[in-house]
PDB file of N, CA and C in Angstrom:
ATOM      1  N   MET A   1       0.841  -1.172   0.000  1.00  0.00           N
ATOM      2  CA  MET A   1       0.000   0.000   0.000  1.00  0.00           C
ATOM      3  C   MET A   1       0.887   1.236   0.000  1.00  0.00           C
ATOM      4  N   ARG A   2       0.564   2.150  -0.888  1.00  0.00           N
ATOM      5  CA  ARG A   2       1.316   3.397  -0.968  1.00  0.00           C
ATOM      6  C   ARG A   2       0.738   4.420   0.008  1.00  0.00           C
ATOM      7  N   PRO A   3       1.544   5.391   0.442  1.00  0.00           N
ATOM      8  CA  PRO A   3       1.052   6.402   1.383  1.00  0.00           C
ATOM      9  C   PRO A   3      -0.171   7.173   0.876  1.00  0.00           C
ATOM     10  N   GLN A   4      -0.275   7.417  -0.438  1.00  0.00           N
ATOM     11  CA  GLN A   4      -1.434   8.132  -0.977  1.00  0.00           C
ATOM     12  C   GLN A   4      -2.708   7.301  -0.796  1.00  0.00           C
ATOM     13  N   GLU A   5      -2.606   5.986  -1.018  1.00  0.00           N
ATOM     14  CA  GLU A   5      -3.753   5.104  -0.824  1.00  0.00           C
ATOM     15  C   GLU A   5      -4.154   5.051   0.646  1.00  0.00           C
ATOM     16  N   LEU A   6      -3.164   5.043   1.527  1.00  0.00           N
ATOM     17  CA  LEU A   6      -3.436   5.033   2.960  1.00  0.00           C
ATOM     18  C   LEU A   6      -4.167   6.294   3.384  1.00  0.00           C
ATOM     19  N   LEU A   7      -3.722   7.435   2.900  1.00  0.00           N
ATOM     20  CA  LEU A   7      -4.382   8.694   3.222  1.00  0.00           C
ATOM     21  C   LEU A   7      -5.823   8.707   2.721  1.00  0.00           C
ATOM     22  N   ALA A   8      -6.062   8.162   1.536  1.00  0.00           N
ATOM     23  CA  ALA A   8      -7.426   8.095   0.999  1.00  0.00           C
ATOM     24  C   ALA A   8      -8.315   7.240   1.896  1.00  0.00           C
ATOM     25  N   GLU A   9      -7.796   6.140   2.418  1.00  0.00           N
ATOM     26  CA  GLU A   9      -8.583   5.282   3.312  1.00  0.00           C
ATOM     27  C   GLU A   9      -8.907   6.019   4.616  1.00  0.00           C
ATOM     28  N   VAL A  10      -7.928   6.733   5.156  1.00  0.00           N
ATOM     29  CA  VAL A  10      -8.156   7.480   6.392  1.00  0.00           C
ATOM     30  C   VAL A  10      -9.210   8.560   6.175  1.00  0.00           C
ATOM     31  N   MET A  11      -9.144   9.238   5.042  1.00  0.00           N
ATOM     32  CA  MET A  11     -10.111  10.295   4.746  1.00  0.00           C
ATOM     33  C   MET A  11     -11.522   9.741   4.535  1.00  0.00           C
ATOM     34  N   GLN A  12     -11.637   8.474   4.161  1.00  0.00           N
ATOM     35  CA  GLN A  12     -12.951   7.843   4.017  1.00  0.00           C
ATOM     36  C   GLN A  12     -13.511   7.391   5.360  1.00  0.00           C
ATOM     37  N   GLY A  13     -12.692   7.422   6.395  1.00  0.00           N
ATOM     38  CA  GLY A  13     -13.150   7.030   7.724  1.00  0.00           C
ATOM     39  C   GLY A  13     -12.921   5.572   8.068  1.00  0.00           C
ATOM     40  N   VAL A  14     -12.037   4.906   7.341  1.00  0.00           N
ATOM     41  CA  VAL A  14     -11.733   3.509   7.633  1.00  0.00           C
ATOM     42  C   VAL A  14     -10.926   3.453   8.931  1.00  0.00           C
ATOM     43  N   LEU A  15     -11.324   2.562   9.832  1.00  0.00           N
ATOM     44  CA  LEU A  15     -10.655   2.427  11.118  1.00  0.00           C
ATOM     45  C   LEU A  15      -9.423   1.540  10.947  1.00  0.00           C
ATOM     46  N   LEU A  16      -8.248   2.091  11.199  1.00  0.00           N
ATOM     47  CA  LEU A  16      -7.010   1.342  11.022  1.00  0.00           C
ATOM     48  C   LEU A  16      -5.948   1.852  11.976  1.00  0.00           C
ATOM     49  N   ILE A  17      -4.942   1.026  12.141  1.00  0.00           N
ATOM     50  CA  ILE A  17      -3.776   1.382  12.946  1.00  0.00           C
ATOM     51  C   ILE A  17      -2.552   1.167  12.075  1.00  0.00           C
ATOM     52  N   VAL A  18      -1.671   2.142  12.055  1.00  0.00           N
ATOM     53  CA  VAL A  18      -0.404   2.011  11.342  1.00  0.00           C
ATOM     54  C   VAL A  18       0.675   1.845  12.395  1.00  0.00           C
ATOM     55  N   GLY A  19       1.441   0.785  12.263  1.00  0.00           N
ATOM     56  CA  GLY A  19       2.464   0.542  13.264  1.00  0.00           C
ATOM     57  C   GLY A  19       3.572  -0.347  12.744  1.00  0.00           C
ATOM     58  N   GLU A  20       4.613  -0.434  13.546  1.00  0.00           N
ATOM     59  CA  GLU A  20       5.754  -1.274  13.225  1.00  0.00           C
ATOM     60  C   GLU A  20       5.508  -2.655  13.826  1.00  0.00           C
ATOM     61  N   TYR A  21       5.578  -3.670  12.986  1.00  0.00           N
ATOM     62  CA  TYR A  21       5.288  -5.033  13.404  1.00  0.00           C
ATOM     63  C   TYR A  21       6.389  -5.553  14.316  1.00  0.00           C
ATOM     64  N   ARG A  22       6.008  -6.163  15.435  1.00  0.00           N
ATOM     65  CA  ARG A  22       6.969  -6.687  16.396  1.00  0.00           C
ATOM     66  C   ARG A  22       6.901  -8.196  16.559  1.00  0.00           C
ATOM     67  N   GLY A  23       5.766  -8.817  16.271  1.00  0.00           N
ATOM     68  CA  GLY A  23       5.686 -10.270  16.401  1.00  0.00           C
ATOM     69  C   GLY A  23       4.255 -10.749  16.529  1.00  0.00           C
ATOM     70  N   SER A  24       4.090 -12.073  16.427  1.00  0.00           N
ATOM     71  CA  SER A  24       2.775 -12.695  16.519  1.00  0.00           C
ATOM     72  C   SER A  24       2.905 -14.061  17.161  1.00  0.00           C
ATOM     73  N   HIS A  25       1.823 -14.500  17.746  1.00  0.00           N
ATOM     74  CA  HIS A  25       1.734 -15.891  18.175  1.00  0.00           C
ATOM     75  C   HIS A  25       0.276 -16.323  18.110  1.00  0.00           C
ATOM     76  N   ALA A  26       0.089 -17.623  17.901  1.00  0.00           N
ATOM     77  CA  ALA A  26      -1.260 -18.181  17.809  1.00  0.00           C
ATOM     78  C   ALA A  26      -1.533 -19.005  19.065  1.00  0.00           C
ATOM     79  N   GLU A  27      -2.813 -19.085  19.418  1.00  0.00           N
ATOM     80  CA  GLU A  27      -3.198 -19.846  20.601  1.00  0.00           C
ATOM     81  C   GLU A  27      -4.627 -20.349  20.451  1.00  0.00           C
ATOM     82  N   GLN A  28      -4.956 -21.354  21.238  1.00  0.00           N
ATOM     83  CA  GLN A  28      -6.319 -21.860  21.260  1.00  0.00           C
ATOM     84  C   GLN A  28      -7.079 -21.065  22.316  1.00  0.00           C
ATOM     85  N   ALA A  29      -8.276 -20.639  21.962  1.00  0.00           N
ATOM     86  CA  ALA A  29      -9.108 -19.871  22.887  1.00  0.00           C
ATOM     87  C   ALA A  29     -10.529 -20.437  22.826  1.00  0.00           C
ATOM     88  N   GLY A  30     -11.349 -19.986  23.737  1.00  0.00           N
ATOM     89  CA  GLY A  30     -12.726 -20.453  23.722  1.00  0.00           C
ATOM     90  C   GLY A  30     -13.544 -19.812  24.820  1.00  0.00           C
ATOM     91  N   TYR A  31     -14.820 -20.141  24.802  1.00  0.00           N
ATOM     92  CA  TYR A  31     -15.740 -19.634  25.807  1.00  0.00           C
ATOM     93  C   TYR A  31     -16.941 -20.573  25.865  1.00  0.00           C
ATOM     94  N   VAL A  32     -17.770 -20.389  26.892  1.00  0.00           N
ATOM     95  CA  VAL A  32     -18.989 -21.171  27.038  1.00  0.00           C
ATOM     96  C   VAL A  32     -20.170 -20.287  26.674  1.00  0.00           C
ATOM     97  N   ASP A  33     -20.973 -20.753  25.723  1.00  0.00           N
ATOM     98  CA  ASP A  33     -22.187 -20.047  25.330  1.00  0.00           C
ATOM     99  C   ASP A  33     -23.192 -20.172  26.468  1.00  0.00           C
ATOM    100  N   ARG A  34     -23.525 -19.084  27.121  1.00  0.00           N
ATOM    101  CA  ARG A  34     -24.397 -19.113  28.299  1.00  0.00           C
ATOM    102  C   ARG A  34     -25.836 -19.505  27.974  1.00  0.00           C
ATOM    103  N   LYS A  35     -26.265 -19.199  26.776  1.00  0.00           N
ATOM    104  CA  LYS A  35     -27.650 -19.491  26.409  1.00  0.00           C
ATOM    105  C   LYS A  35     -27.877 -20.992  26.239  1.00  0.00           C
ATOM    106  N   PHE A  36     -26.935 -21.667  25.542  1.00  0.00           N
ATOM    107  CA  PHE A  36     -27.111 -23.084  25.253  1.00  0.00           C
ATOM    108  C   PHE A  36     -26.163 -23.987  26.030  1.00  0.00           C
ATOM    109  N   GLY A  37     -25.144 -23.425  26.668  1.00  0.00           N
ATOM    110  CA  GLY A  37     -24.201 -24.216  27.444  1.00  0.00           C
ATOM    111  C   GLY A  37     -23.149 -24.921  26.607  1.00  0.00           C
ATOM    112  N   ASN A  38     -23.014 -24.550  25.346  1.00  0.00           N
ATOM    113  CA  ASN A  38     -22.020 -25.169  24.466  1.00  0.00           C
ATOM    114  C   ASN A  38     -20.653 -24.530  24.658  1.00  0.00           C
ATOM    115  N   VAL A  39     -19.631 -25.363  24.540  1.00  0.00           N
ATOM    116  CA  VAL A  39     -18.259 -24.855  24.583  1.00  0.00           C
ATOM    117  C   VAL A  39     -17.850 -24.502  23.160  1.00  0.00           C
ATOM    118  N   ILE A  40     -17.408 -23.275  22.946  1.00  0.00           N
ATOM    119  CA  ILE A  40     -16.972 -22.800  21.640  1.00  0.00           C
ATOM    120  C   ILE A  40     -15.454 -22.636  21.688  1.00  0.00           C
ATOM    121  N   ASN A  41     -14.738 -23.416  20.887  1.00  0.00           N
ATOM    122  CA  ASN A  41     -13.282 -23.315  20.792  1.00  0.00           C
ATOM    123  C   ASN A  41     -12.900 -22.760  19.431  1.00  0.00           C
ATOM    124  N   TYR A  42     -11.847 -21.964  19.398  1.00  0.00           N
ATOM    125  CA  TYR A  42     -11.358 -21.395  18.148  1.00  0.00           C
ATOM    126  C   TYR A  42      -9.881 -21.063  18.292  1.00  0.00           C
ATOM    127  N   ILE A  43      -9.254 -20.801  17.159  1.00  0.00           N
ATOM    128  CA  ILE A  43      -7.845 -20.411  17.121  1.00  0.00           C
ATOM    129  C   ILE A  43      -7.784 -18.904  16.905  1.00  0.00           C
ATOM    130  N   ARG A  44      -6.938 -18.244  17.664  1.00  0.00           N
ATOM    131  CA  ARG A  44      -6.748 -16.807  17.474  1.00  0.00           C
ATOM    132  C   ARG A  44      -5.266 -16.480  17.484  1.00  0.00           C
ATOM    133  N   ALA A  45      -4.957 -15.350  16.874  1.00  0.00           N
ATOM    134  CA  ALA A  45      -3.586 -14.849  16.850  1.00  0.00           C
ATOM    135  C   ALA A  45      -3.551 -13.513  17.556  1.00  0.00           C
ATOM    136  N   ILE A  46      -2.450 -13.254  18.187  1.00  0.00           N
ATOM    137  CA  ILE A  46      -2.231 -11.950  18.813  1.00  0.00           C
ATOM    138  C   ILE A  46      -0.999 -11.342  18.160  1.00  0.00           C
ATOM    139  N   HIS A  47      -1.200 -10.194  17.520  1.00  0.00           N
ATOM    140  CA  HIS A  47      -0.123  -9.476  16.849  1.00  0.00           C
ATOM    141  C   HIS A  47       0.288  -8.300  17.729  1.00  0.00           C
ATOM    142  N   LEU A  48       1.564  -8.066  17.827  1.00  0.00           N
ATOM    143  CA  LEU A  48       2.086  -6.942  18.595  1.00  0.00           C
ATOM    144  C   LEU A  48       2.650  -5.909  17.631  1.00  0.00           C
ATOM    145  N   ALA A  49       2.184  -4.676  17.758  1.00  0.00           N
ATOM    146  CA  ALA A  49       2.651  -3.582  16.908  1.00  0.00           C
ATOM    147  C   ALA A  49       3.015  -2.397  17.796  1.00  0.00           C
ATOM    148  N   GLU A  50       3.977  -1.612  17.347  1.00  0.00           N
ATOM    149  CA  GLU A  50       4.345  -0.374  18.031  1.00  0.00           C
ATOM    150  C   GLU A  50       3.906   0.796  17.171  1.00  0.00           C
ATOM    151  N   CYS A  51       3.276   1.776  17.796  1.00  0.00           N
ATOM    152  CA  CYS A  51       2.872   2.955  17.050  1.00  0.00           C
ATOM    153  C   CYS A  51       2.983   4.174  17.960  1.00  0.00           C
ATOM    154  N   SER A  52       2.888   5.328  17.346  1.00  0.00           N
ATOM    155  CA  SER A  52       2.947   6.575  18.090  1.00  0.00           C
ATOM    156  C   SER A  52       1.551   6.903  18.596  1.00  0.00           C
ATOM    157  N   TRP A  53       1.442   7.167  19.875  1.00  0.00           N
ATOM    158  CA  TRP A  53       0.153   7.421  20.499  1.00  0.00           C
ATOM    159  C   TRP A  53       0.303   8.627  21.417  1.00  0.00           C
ATOM    160  N   HIS A  54      -0.274   9.733  21.039  1.00  0.00           N
ATOM    161  CA  HIS A  54      -0.200  10.972  21.818  1.00  0.00           C
ATOM    162  C   HIS A  54       1.241  11.399  22.089  1.00  0.00           C
ATOM    163  N   GLY A  55       2.094  11.255  21.100  1.00  0.00           N
ATOM    164  CA  GLY A  55       3.450  11.764  21.210  1.00  0.00           C
ATOM    165  C   GLY A  55       4.476  10.803  21.766  1.00  0.00           C
ATOM    166  N   HIS A  56       4.088   9.607  22.180  1.00  0.00           N
ATOM    167  CA  HIS A  56       5.072   8.640  22.644  1.00  0.00           C
ATOM    168  C   HIS A  56       4.802   7.279  21.996  1.00  0.00           C
ATOM    169  N   ILE A  57       5.801   6.431  22.008  1.00  0.00           N
ATOM    170  CA  ILE A  57       5.690   5.112  21.396  1.00  0.00           C
ATOM    171  C   ILE A  57       4.949   4.190  22.356  1.00  0.00           C
ATOM    172  N   ASP A  58       3.969   3.478  21.834  1.00  0.00           N
ATOM    173  CA  ASP A  58       3.167   2.585  22.652  1.00  0.00           C
ATOM    174  C   ASP A  58       2.942   1.297  21.884  1.00  0.00           C
ATOM    175  N   ARG A  59       2.667   0.223  22.587  1.00  0.00           N
ATOM    176  CA  ARG A  59       2.388  -1.038  21.913  1.00  0.00           C
ATOM    177  C   ARG A  59       0.883  -1.251  21.837  1.00  0.00           C
ATOM    178  N   VAL A  60       0.486  -1.989  20.808  1.00  0.00           N
ATOM    179  CA  VAL A  60      -0.916  -2.317  20.587  1.00  0.00           C
ATOM    180  C   VAL A  60      -1.008  -3.821  20.405  1.00  0.00           C
ATOM    181  N   LEU A  61      -1.896  -4.461  21.161  1.00  0.00           N
ATOM    182  CA  LEU A  61      -2.151  -5.890  21.003  1.00  0.00           C
ATOM    183  C   LEU A  61      -3.372  -6.049  20.113  1.00  0.00           C
ATOM    184  N   ILE A  62      -3.176  -6.670  18.953  1.00  0.00           N
ATOM    185  CA  ILE A  62      -4.235  -6.812  17.956  1.00  0.00           C
ATOM    186  C   ILE A  62      -4.607  -8.285  17.866  1.00  0.00           C
ATOM    187  N   THR A  63      -5.871  -8.594  18.130  1.00  0.00           N
ATOM    188  CA  THR A  63      -6.347  -9.973  18.134  1.00  0.00           C
ATOM    189  C   THR A  63      -7.016 -10.303  16.813  1.00  0.00           C
ATOM    190  N   GLU A  64      -6.668 -11.463  16.262  1.00  0.00           N
ATOM    191  CA  GLU A  64      -7.258 -11.939  15.013  1.00  0.00           C
ATOM    192  C   GLU A  64      -7.895 -13.299  15.278  1.00  0.00           C
ATOM    193  N   ARG A  65      -9.175 -13.428  14.970  1.00  0.00           N
ATOM    194  CA  ARG A  65      -9.862 -14.709  15.125  1.00  0.00           C
ATOM    195  C   ARG A  65      -9.896 -15.408  13.768  1.00  0.00           C
ATOM    196  N   PHE A  66      -9.397 -16.651  13.730  1.00  0.00           N
ATOM    197  CA  PHE A  66      -9.346 -17.403  12.485  1.00  0.00           C
ATOM    198  C   PHE A  66     -10.671 -18.119  12.233  1.00  0.00           C
ATOM    199  N   PRO A  67     -10.999 -18.365  10.953  1.00  0.00           N
ATOM    200  CA  PRO A  67     -12.227 -19.114  10.644  1.00  0.00           C
ATOM    201  C   PRO A  67     -12.094 -20.573  11.086  1.00  0.00           C
ATOM    202  N   GLU A  68     -13.195 -21.300  11.052  1.00  0.00           N
ATOM    203  CA  GLU A  68     -13.212 -22.689  11.510  1.00  0.00           C
ATOM    204  C   GLU A  68     -12.313 -23.600  10.687  1.00  0.00           C
ATOM    205  N   GLU A  69     -12.005 -23.216   9.439  1.00  0.00           N
ATOM    206  CA  GLU A  69     -11.140 -24.034   8.594  1.00  0.00           C
ATOM    207  C   GLU A  69      -9.732 -24.166   9.171  1.00  0.00           C
ATOM    208  N   VAL A  70      -9.303 -23.164   9.924  1.00  0.00           N
ATOM    209  CA  VAL A  70      -7.995 -23.212  10.575  1.00  0.00           C
ATOM    210  C   VAL A  70      -8.198 -23.948  11.898  1.00  0.00           C
ATOM    211  N   ALA A  71      -7.767 -25.218  11.927  1.00  0.00           N
ATOM    212  CA  ALA A  71      -8.078 -26.068  13.070  1.00  0.00           C
ATOM    213  C   ALA A  71      -6.911 -26.252  14.038  1.00  0.00           C
ATOM    214  N   SER A  72      -5.714 -25.814  13.664  1.00  0.00           N
ATOM    215  CA  SER A  72      -4.571 -26.008  14.555  1.00  0.00           C
ATOM    216  C   SER A  72      -3.740 -24.729  14.638  1.00  0.00           C
ATOM    217  N   ILE A  73      -2.946 -24.686  15.678  1.00  0.00           N
ATOM    218  CA  ILE A  73      -2.064 -23.538  15.888  1.00  0.00           C
ATOM    219  C   ILE A  73      -1.007 -23.477  14.784  1.00  0.00           C
ATOM    220  N   GLU A  74      -0.549 -24.629  14.320  1.00  0.00           N
ATOM    221  CA  GLU A  74       0.462 -24.671  13.260  1.00  0.00           C
ATOM    222  C   GLU A  74      -0.073 -24.081  11.957  1.00  0.00           C
ATOM    223  N   GLN A  75      -1.337 -24.364  11.632  1.00  0.00           N
ATOM    224  CA  GLN A  75      -1.947 -23.781  10.430  1.00  0.00           C
ATOM    225  C   GLN A  75      -2.047 -22.269  10.559  1.00  0.00           C
ATOM    226  N   ALA A  76      -2.375 -21.792  11.742  1.00  0.00           N
ATOM    227  CA  ALA A  76      -2.479 -20.348  11.958  1.00  0.00           C
ATOM    228  C   ALA A  76      -1.112 -19.681  11.843  1.00  0.00           C
ATOM    229  N   GLU A  77      -0.100 -20.284  12.442  1.00  0.00           N
ATOM    230  CA  GLU A  77       1.241 -19.693  12.398  1.00  0.00           C
ATOM    231  C   GLU A  77       1.823 -19.699  10.988  1.00  0.00           C
ATOM    232  N   ALA A  78       1.355 -20.608  10.134  1.00  0.00           N
ATOM    233  CA  ALA A  78       1.830 -20.647   8.750  1.00  0.00           C
ATOM    234  C   ALA A  78       1.363 -19.426   7.955  1.00  0.00           C
ATOM    235  N   THR A  79       0.345 -18.732   8.432  1.00  0.00           N
ATOM    236  CA  THR A  79      -0.153 -17.542   7.739  1.00  0.00           C
ATOM    237  C   THR A  79       0.631 -16.284   8.090  1.00  0.00           C
ATOM    238  N   PHE A  80       1.510 -16.349   9.080  1.00  0.00           N
ATOM    239  CA  PHE A  80       2.276 -15.173   9.491  1.00  0.00           C
ATOM    240  C   PHE A  80       3.435 -14.964   8.527  1.00  0.00           C
ATOM    241  N   LYS A  81       3.253 -14.062   7.588  1.00  0.00           N
ATOM    242  CA  LYS A  81       4.282 -13.773   6.600  1.00  0.00           C
ATOM    243  C   LYS A  81       4.742 -12.319   6.731  1.00  0.00           C
ATOM    244  N   TYR A  82       4.853 -11.852   7.949  1.00  0.00           N
ATOM    245  CA  TYR A  82       5.199 -10.464   8.218  1.00  0.00           C
ATOM    246  C   TYR A  82       6.641 -10.389   8.688  1.00  0.00           C
ATOM    247  N   THR A  83       7.285  -9.266   8.401  1.00  0.00           N
ATOM    248  CA  THR A  83       8.682  -9.073   8.750  1.00  0.00           C
ATOM    249  C   THR A  83       8.779  -8.110   9.927  1.00  0.00           C
ATOM    250  N   ARG A  84       9.502  -8.539  10.938  1.00  0.00           N
ATOM    251  CA  ARG A  84       9.669  -7.719  12.131  1.00  0.00           C
ATOM    252  C   ARG A  84      10.403  -6.427  11.773  1.00  0.00           C
ATOM    253  N   GLY A  85       9.876  -5.299  12.261  1.00  0.00           N
ATOM    254  CA  GLY A  85      10.496  -4.004  12.023  1.00  0.00           C
ATOM    255  C   GLY A  85       9.914  -3.233  10.854  1.00  0.00           C
ATOM    256  N   LYS A  86       9.107  -3.886  10.008  1.00  0.00           N
ATOM    257  CA  LYS A  86       8.486  -3.177   8.888  1.00  0.00           C
ATOM    258  C   LYS A  86       7.165  -2.555   9.343  1.00  0.00           C
ATOM    259  N   ARG A  87       6.742  -1.519   8.619  1.00  0.00           N
ATOM    260  CA  ARG A  87       5.485  -0.842   8.941  1.00  0.00           C
ATOM    261  C   ARG A  87       4.340  -1.480   8.172  1.00  0.00           C
ATOM    262  N   TYR A  88       3.239  -1.689   8.897  1.00  0.00           N
ATOM    263  CA  TYR A  88       2.055  -2.317   8.330  1.00  0.00           C
ATOM    264  C   TYR A  88       0.819  -1.514   8.693  1.00  0.00           C
ATOM    265  N   VAL A  89      -0.223  -1.711   7.890  1.00  0.00           N
ATOM    266  CA  VAL A  89      -1.540  -1.158   8.175  1.00  0.00           C
ATOM    267  C   VAL A  89      -2.382  -2.302   8.711  1.00  0.00           C
ATOM    268  N   PHE A  90      -2.931  -2.136   9.902  1.00  0.00           N
ATOM    269  CA  PHE A  90      -3.796  -3.116  10.522  1.00  0.00           C
ATOM    270  C   PHE A  90      -5.224  -2.576  10.464  1.00  0.00           C
ATOM    271  N   TYR A  91      -6.076  -3.209   9.642  1.00  0.00           N
ATOM    272  CA  TYR A  91      -7.478  -2.809   9.562  1.00  0.00           C
ATOM    273  C   TYR A  91      -8.203  -3.412  10.759  1.00  0.00           C
ATOM    274  N   ILE A  92      -8.893  -2.580  11.531  1.00  0.00           N
ATOM    275  CA  ILE A  92      -9.483  -3.069  12.771  1.00  0.00           C
ATOM    276  C   ILE A  92     -10.984  -2.798  12.824  1.00  0.00           C
ATOM    277  N   ASP A  93     -11.672  -3.605  13.636  1.00  0.00           N
ATOM    278  CA  ASP A  93     -13.104  -3.422  13.888  1.00  0.00           C
ATOM    279  C   ASP A  93     -13.331  -2.464  15.053  1.00  0.00           C
ATOM    280  N   TRP A  94     -12.540  -2.617  16.099  1.00  0.00           N
ATOM    281  CA  TRP A  94     -12.681  -1.777  17.285  1.00  0.00           C
ATOM    282  C   TRP A  94     -11.336  -1.716  18.004  1.00  0.00           C
ATOM    283  N   PHE A  95     -11.214  -0.745  18.886  1.00  0.00           N
ATOM    284  CA  PHE A  95     -10.061  -0.694  19.765  1.00  0.00           C
ATOM    285  C   PHE A  95     -10.487  -0.076  21.083  1.00  0.00           C
ATOM    286  N   LYS A  96      -9.740  -0.388  22.124  1.00  0.00           N
ATOM    287  CA  LYS A  96      -9.999   0.203  23.437  1.00  0.00           C
ATOM    288  C   LYS A  96      -8.683   0.376  24.161  1.00  0.00           C
ATOM    289  N   ARG A  97      -8.676   1.326  25.048  1.00  0.00           N
ATOM    290  CA  ARG A  97      -7.501   1.595  25.868  1.00  0.00           C
ATOM    291  C   ARG A  97      -7.903   1.341  27.306  1.00  0.00           C
ATOM    292  N   GLU A  98      -7.214   0.399  27.932  1.00  0.00           N
ATOM    293  CA  GLU A  98      -7.585  -0.027  29.266  1.00  0.00           C
ATOM    294  C   GLU A  98      -6.335  -0.216  30.112  1.00  0.00           C
ATOM    295  N   ARG A  99      -6.266   0.492  31.228  1.00  0.00           N
ATOM    296  CA  ARG A  99      -5.140   0.415  32.157  1.00  0.00           C
ATOM    297  C   ARG A  99      -3.799   0.656  31.476  1.00  0.00           C
ATOM    298  N   GLY A 100      -3.768   1.611  30.572  1.00  0.00           N
ATOM    299  CA  GLY A 100      -2.534   1.983  29.900  1.00  0.00           C
ATOM    300  C   GLY A 100      -2.143   1.088  28.737  1.00  0.00           C
ATOM    301  N   GLN A 101      -2.975   0.127  28.386  1.00  0.00           N
ATOM    302  CA  GLN A 101      -2.695  -0.790  27.286  1.00  0.00           C
ATOM    303  C   GLN A 101      -3.761  -0.626  26.209  1.00  0.00           C
ATOM    304  N   THR A 102      -3.343  -0.672  24.945  1.00  0.00           N
ATOM    305  CA  THR A 102      -4.274  -0.549  23.828  1.00  0.00           C
ATOM    306  C   THR A 102      -4.530  -1.925  23.228  1.00  0.00           C
ATOM    307  N   PHE A 103      -5.816  -2.262  23.069  1.00  0.00           N
ATOM    308  CA  PHE A 103      -6.246  -3.530  22.485  1.00  0.00           C
ATOM    309  C   PHE A 103      -7.072  -3.235  21.246  1.00  0.00           C
ATOM    310  N   ALA A 104      -6.998  -4.128  20.248  1.00  0.00           N
ATOM    311  CA  ALA A 104      -7.780  -3.958  19.026  1.00  0.00           C
ATOM    312  C   ALA A 104      -8.148  -5.329  18.479  1.00  0.00           C
ATOM    313  N   SER A 105      -9.167  -5.349  17.610  1.00  0.00           N
ATOM    314  CA  SER A 105      -9.587  -6.572  16.945  1.00  0.00           C
ATOM    315  C   SER A 105      -9.405  -6.393  15.442  1.00  0.00           C
ATOM    316  N   LEU A 106      -8.724  -7.338  14.818  1.00  0.00           N
ATOM    317  CA  LEU A 106      -8.420  -7.250  13.394  1.00  0.00           C
ATOM    318  C   LEU A 106      -9.668  -7.486  12.557  1.00  0.00           C
ATOM    319  N   ASN A 107      -9.839  -6.669  11.546  1.00  0.00           N
ATOM    320  CA  ASN A 107     -10.954  -6.753  10.611  1.00  0.00           C
ATOM    321  C   ASN A 107     -10.670  -7.848   9.578  1.00  0.00           C
ATOM    322  N   ALA A 108     -11.667  -8.204   8.799  1.00  0.00           N
ATOM    323  CA  ALA A 108     -11.499  -9.217   7.744  1.00  0.00           C
ATOM    324  C   ALA A 108     -10.555  -8.735   6.645  1.00  0.00           C
ATOM    325  N   TRP A 109     -10.336  -7.419   6.526  1.00  0.00           N
ATOM    326  CA  TRP A 109      -9.418  -6.899   5.504  1.00  0.00           C
ATOM    327  C   TRP A 109      -7.988  -7.284   5.806  1.00  0.00           C
ATOM    328  N   GLY A 110      -7.677  -7.496   7.072  1.00  0.00           N
ATOM    329  CA  GLY A 110      -6.358  -8.005   7.439  1.00  0.00           C
ATOM    330  C   GLY A 110      -5.277  -6.968   7.599  1.00  0.00           C
ATOM    331  N   ILE A 111      -4.084  -7.350   7.138  1.00  0.00           N
ATOM    332  CA  ILE A 111      -2.871  -6.557   7.342  1.00  0.00           C
ATOM    333  C   ILE A 111      -2.201  -6.339   5.996  1.00  0.00           C
ATOM    334  N   GLU A 112      -1.771  -5.100   5.733  1.00  0.00           N
ATOM    335  CA  GLU A 112      -1.059  -4.780   4.497  1.00  0.00           C
ATOM    336  C   GLU A 112       0.241  -4.061   4.833  1.00  0.00           C
ATOM    337  N   GLU A 113       1.261  -4.364   4.050  1.00  0.00           N
ATOM    338  CA  GLU A 113       2.549  -3.689   4.232  1.00  0.00           C
ATOM    339  C   GLU A 113       2.515  -2.322   3.566  1.00  0.00           C
ATOM    340  N   ILE A 114       3.147  -1.355   4.195  1.00  0.00           N
ATOM    341  CA  ILE A 114       3.255  -0.014   3.628  1.00  0.00           C
ATOM    342  C   ILE A 114       4.511   0.023   2.765  1.00  0.00           C
ATOM    343  N   GLU A 115       4.335   0.418   1.511  1.00  0.00           N
ATOM    344  CA  GLU A 115       5.468   0.525   0.607  1.00  0.00           C
ATOM    345  C   GLU A 115       6.220   1.814   0.915  1.00  0.00           C
ATOM    346  N   VAL A 116       7.509   1.679   1.115  1.00  0.00           N
ATOM    347  CA  VAL A 116       8.352   2.837   1.405  1.00  0.00           C
ATOM    348  C   VAL A 116       8.837   3.391   0.098  1.00  0.00           C
ATOM    349  N   GLU A 117       8.542   4.681  -0.133  1.00  0.00           N
ATOM    350  CA  GLU A 117       8.999   5.349  -1.350  1.00  0.00           C
ATOM    351  C   GLU A 117      10.378   5.938  -1.087  1.00  0.00           C
ATOM    352  N   GLU A 118      11.344   5.410  -1.807  1.00  0.00           N
ATOM    353  CA  GLU A 118      12.718   5.886  -1.622  1.00  0.00           C
ATOM    354  C   GLU A 118      13.007   6.997  -2.612  1.00  0.00           C
ATOM    355  N   ALA A 119      13.712   7.998  -2.139  1.00  0.00           N
ATOM    356  CA  ALA A 119      14.095   9.108  -3.006  1.00  0.00           C
ATOM    357  C   ALA A 119      15.179   8.627  -3.982  1.00  0.00           C
ATOM    358  N   PRO A 120      15.141   9.138  -5.202  1.00  0.00           N
ATOM    359  CA  PRO A 120      16.167   8.731  -6.161  1.00  0.00           C
ATOM    360  C   PRO A 120      17.549   9.207  -5.682  1.00  0.00           C
ATOM    361  N   ALA A 121      18.549   8.427  -5.981  1.00  0.00           N
ATOM    362  CA  ALA A 121      19.899   8.760  -5.567  1.00  0.00           C
ATOM    363  C   ALA A 121      20.468   9.869  -6.433  1.00  0.00           C
ATOM    364  N   ALA A 122      21.322  10.645  -5.835  1.00  0.00           N
ATOM    365  CA  ALA A 122      21.984  11.705  -6.577  1.00  0.00           C
ATOM    366  C   ALA A 122      23.012  11.105  -7.541  1.00  0.00           C
ATOM    367  N   PRO A 123      23.194  11.715  -8.706  1.00  0.00           N
ATOM    368  CA  PRO A 123      24.168  11.158  -9.673  1.00  0.00           C
ATOM    369  C   PRO A 123      25.589  11.312  -9.198  1.00  0.00           C
TER     370      PRO A 123
END
């Protein structure tokens, strides 16, 4: 994604976080449906990104819930094709700040790398 495209998305009101990717891990999670008493298990990933927040660097924990087709942690980790230290756009559904920590939920649009435009070299 080029910076001009990113600016156009922000101007349209798309909720996103731009940050430097620090790492990811997958885990099994679940909950009990209170209405029916069923146990719901799923695989989720937690991505760690650093971004500027009110003038200082802060970390953001971004949670991604995988579809039912992803049945193991190994399958989920195979989808992590991100490079540590590069800047990415994380499309999110919501975010909250609680006890000094920022949490977000990844949207279906996912994660895109920001293309760095390098200035031409002097002759």
